[in-house]
């Protein structure tokens, strides 16, 4: 299992970007990448990196929109929109290291 991070405020709000009317949550490969992005974006100053464990994912995907979308950020030193768009199933595949055929990469 791979640990990914998203940005969350103390009040429980998640940081999200507007992607043509849909909100996407930036997801980072590690805590350091999240902190780099935070230092470059004033809108994230009240947010902290949170590991996307099952509880956090449940919280993210049980919002009113219930169709949470994500950005897997490629390089946090560049624009946050430089990355890969993912839906919830694709994000879970990345976290659980499952390939496109539904097979775990470690066997």
C-alpha atoms as a PDB file:
ATOM      1  CA  UNK A   1       0.000   0.000   0.000  1.00  0.00           C
ATOM      2  CA  UNK A   2       1.265   3.465  -0.922  1.00  0.00           C
ATOM      3  CA  UNK A   3       0.625   6.500   1.285  1.00  0.00           C
ATOM      4  CA  UNK A   4      -0.508   9.629  -0.533  1.00  0.00           C
ATOM      5  CA  UNK A   5      -1.308  13.020   0.983  1.00  0.00           C
ATOM      6  CA  UNK A   6      -3.925  15.752   0.485  1.00  0.00           C
ATOM      7  CA  UNK A   7      -4.274  19.146   2.171  1.00  0.00           C
ATOM      8  CA  UNK A   8      -6.840  19.651   4.927  1.00  0.00           C
ATOM      9  CA  UNK A   9      -7.720  22.458   7.344  1.00  0.00           C
ATOM     10  CA  UNK A  10      -8.262  21.985  11.058  1.00  0.00           C
ATOM     11  CA  UNK A  11     -12.018  22.474  10.518  1.00  0.00           C
ATOM     12  CA  UNK A  12     -12.091  19.470   8.155  1.00  0.00           C
ATOM     13  CA  UNK A  13     -12.246  21.320   4.815  1.00  0.00           C
ATOM     14  CA  UNK A  14     -10.163  19.833   1.995  1.00  0.00           C
ATOM     15  CA  UNK A  15      -8.160  21.992  -0.414  1.00  0.00           C
ATOM     16  CA  UNK A  16      -9.481  21.636  -3.965  1.00  0.00           C
ATOM     17  CA  UNK A  17      -8.896  23.272  -7.340  1.00  0.00           C
ATOM     18  CA  UNK A  18     -11.596  24.360  -9.763  1.00  0.00           C
ATOM     19  CA  UNK A  19     -11.300  22.261 -12.923  1.00  0.00           C
ATOM     20  CA  UNK A  20     -13.895  23.752 -15.270  1.00  0.00           C
ATOM     21  CA  UNK A  21     -16.616  23.681 -12.630  1.00  0.00           C
ATOM     22  CA  UNK A  22     -15.555  20.408 -11.003  1.00  0.00           C
ATOM     23  CA  UNK A  23     -13.481  20.414  -7.876  1.00  0.00           C
ATOM     24  CA  UNK A  24     -10.340  18.309  -7.803  1.00  0.00           C
ATOM     25  CA  UNK A  25      -8.314  17.541  -4.703  1.00  0.00           C
ATOM     26  CA  UNK A  26      -4.552  17.726  -5.293  1.00  0.00           C
ATOM     27  CA  UNK A  27      -2.866  14.544  -4.098  1.00  0.00           C
ATOM     28  CA  UNK A  28       0.847  14.346  -3.334  1.00  0.00           C
ATOM     29  CA  UNK A  29       3.265  11.422  -3.323  1.00  0.00           C
ATOM     30  CA  UNK A  30       4.701  12.386   0.060  1.00  0.00           C
ATOM     31  CA  UNK A  31       4.462  14.913   2.888  1.00  0.00           C
ATOM     32  CA  UNK A  32       7.453  16.874   1.557  1.00  0.00           C
ATOM     33  CA  UNK A  33       5.831  17.408  -1.848  1.00  0.00           C
ATOM     34  CA  UNK A  34       2.672  18.665  -0.116  1.00  0.00           C
ATOM     35  CA  UNK A  35       4.703  21.149   1.926  1.00  0.00           C
ATOM     36  CA  UNK A  36       6.533  22.412  -1.175  1.00  0.00           C
ATOM     37  CA  UNK A  37       3.201  23.033  -2.907  1.00  0.00           C
ATOM     38  CA  UNK A  38       1.858  24.734   0.212  1.00  0.00           C
ATOM     39  CA  UNK A  39       4.827  27.097   0.313  1.00  0.00           C
ATOM     40  CA  UNK A  40       4.163  28.135  -3.298  1.00  0.00           C
ATOM     41  CA  UNK A  41       0.390  28.687  -3.044  1.00  0.00           C
ATOM     42  CA  UNK A  42      -0.934  31.306  -0.600  1.00  0.00           C
ATOM     43  CA  UNK A  43      -4.393  29.693  -0.752  1.00  0.00           C
ATOM     44  CA  UNK A  44      -3.022  26.636   1.025  1.00  0.00           C
ATOM     45  CA  UNK A  45      -1.475  28.420   4.017  1.00  0.00           C
ATOM     46  CA  UNK A  46      -4.191  27.238   6.445  1.00  0.00           C
ATOM     47  CA  UNK A  47      -4.020  23.652   5.180  1.00  0.00           C
ATOM     48  CA  UNK A  48      -1.786  20.804   6.369  1.00  0.00           C
ATOM     49  CA  UNK A  49      -0.832  17.526   4.694  1.00  0.00           C
ATOM     50  CA  UNK A  50      -2.996  14.581   5.743  1.00  0.00           C
ATOM     51  CA  UNK A  51      -2.355  10.968   4.796  1.00  0.00           C
ATOM     52  CA  UNK A  52      -5.137   9.548   2.642  1.00  0.00           C
ATOM     53  CA  UNK A  53      -5.959   6.593   4.848  1.00  0.00           C
ATOM     54  CA  UNK A  54      -9.330   4.795   4.535  1.00  0.00           C
ATOM     55  CA  UNK A  55     -10.972   7.209   7.007  1.00  0.00           C
ATOM     56  CA  UNK A  56      -9.777  10.297   5.100  1.00  0.00           C
ATOM     57  CA  UNK A  57     -10.876   8.811   1.782  1.00  0.00           C
ATOM     58  CA  UNK A  58     -14.309   8.023   3.227  1.00  0.00           C
ATOM     59  CA  UNK A  59     -14.611  11.625   4.392  1.00  0.00           C
ATOM     60  CA  UNK A  60     -13.560  12.966   0.997  1.00  0.00           C
ATOM     61  CA  UNK A  61     -15.903  10.763  -0.993  1.00  0.00           C
ATOM     62  CA  UNK A  62     -18.969  11.163   1.235  1.00  0.00           C
ATOM     63  CA  UNK A  63     -19.434  14.863   0.503  1.00  0.00           C
ATOM     64  CA  UNK A  64     -22.590  16.254  -1.063  1.00  0.00           C
ATOM     65  CA  UNK A  65     -21.029  15.969  -4.518  1.00  0.00           C
ATOM     66  CA  UNK A  66     -20.030  12.350  -3.773  1.00  0.00           C
ATOM     67  CA  UNK A  67     -17.983  12.303  -6.951  1.00  0.00           C
ATOM     68  CA  UNK A  68     -14.667  13.473  -5.588  1.00  0.00           C
ATOM     69  CA  UNK A  69     -11.998  13.901  -8.236  1.00  0.00           C
ATOM     70  CA  UNK A  70      -8.286  14.163  -7.737  1.00  0.00           C
ATOM     71  CA  UNK A  71      -5.031  15.464  -9.241  1.00  0.00           C
ATOM     72  CA  UNK A  72      -1.953  13.336  -8.654  1.00  0.00           C
ATOM     73  CA  UNK A  73       0.555  16.195  -8.615  1.00  0.00           C
ATOM     74  CA  UNK A  74       3.641  15.450 -10.695  1.00  0.00           C
ATOM     75  CA  UNK A  75       5.953  18.260  -9.585  1.00  0.00           C
ATOM     76  CA  UNK A  76       4.864  20.387  -6.603  1.00  0.00           C
ATOM     77  CA  UNK A  77       7.406  23.085  -7.486  1.00  0.00           C
ATOM     78  CA  UNK A  78       5.429  23.779 -10.681  1.00  0.00           C
ATOM     79  CA  UNK A  79       1.726  24.424 -11.154  1.00  0.00           C
ATOM     80  CA  UNK A  80      -0.584  22.176  -9.147  1.00  0.00           C
ATOM     81  CA  UNK A  81      -2.524  21.418 -12.301  1.00  0.00           C
ATOM     82  CA  UNK A  82       0.508  19.654 -13.760  1.00  0.00           C
ATOM     83  CA  UNK A  83      -0.333  16.094 -12.953  1.00  0.00           C
ATOM     84  CA  UNK A  84      -2.722  13.268 -13.657  1.00  0.00           C
ATOM     85  CA  UNK A  85      -6.499  13.520 -13.305  1.00  0.00           C
ATOM     86  CA  UNK A  86      -7.892  10.617 -11.306  1.00  0.00           C
ATOM     87  CA  UNK A  87     -11.350   9.508 -10.269  1.00  0.00           C
ATOM     88  CA  UNK A  88     -11.915   7.712  -6.967  1.00  0.00           C
ATOM     89  CA  UNK A  89     -11.355   4.220  -8.402  1.00  0.00           C
ATOM     90  CA  UNK A  90      -8.137   5.266 -10.139  1.00  0.00           C
ATOM     91  CA  UNK A  91      -6.868   6.871  -6.923  1.00  0.00           C
ATOM     92  CA  UNK A  92      -7.569   3.677  -4.990  1.00  0.00           C
ATOM     93  CA  UNK A  93      -5.665   1.716  -7.641  1.00  0.00           C
ATOM     94  CA  UNK A  94      -2.651   3.994  -7.120  1.00  0.00           C
ATOM     95  CA  UNK A  95      -2.875   3.705  -3.328  1.00  0.00           C
ATOM     96  CA  UNK A  96      -3.233  -0.068  -3.372  1.00  0.00           C
ATOM     97  CA  UNK A  97      -0.732  -0.377  -6.252  1.00  0.00           C
ATOM     98  CA  UNK A  98      -3.162  -2.146  -8.553  1.00  0.00           C
ATOM     99  CA  UNK A  99      -2.545  -2.155 -12.304  1.00  0.00           C
ATOM    100  CA  UNK A 100      -5.183  -1.527 -14.966  1.00  0.00           C
ATOM    101  CA  UNK A 101      -6.292  -5.184 -14.871  1.00  0.00           C
ATOM    102  CA  UNK A 102      -7.087  -5.068 -11.143  1.00  0.00           C
ATOM    103  CA  UNK A 103      -3.963  -7.003 -10.160  1.00  0.00           C
ATOM    104  CA  UNK A 104      -1.728  -5.832  -7.334  1.00  0.00           C
ATOM    105  CA  UNK A 105       1.713  -4.887  -8.612  1.00  0.00           C
ATOM    106  CA  UNK A 106       3.398  -6.935  -5.876  1.00  0.00           C
ATOM    107  CA  UNK A 107       1.676 -10.116  -6.873  1.00  0.00           C
END
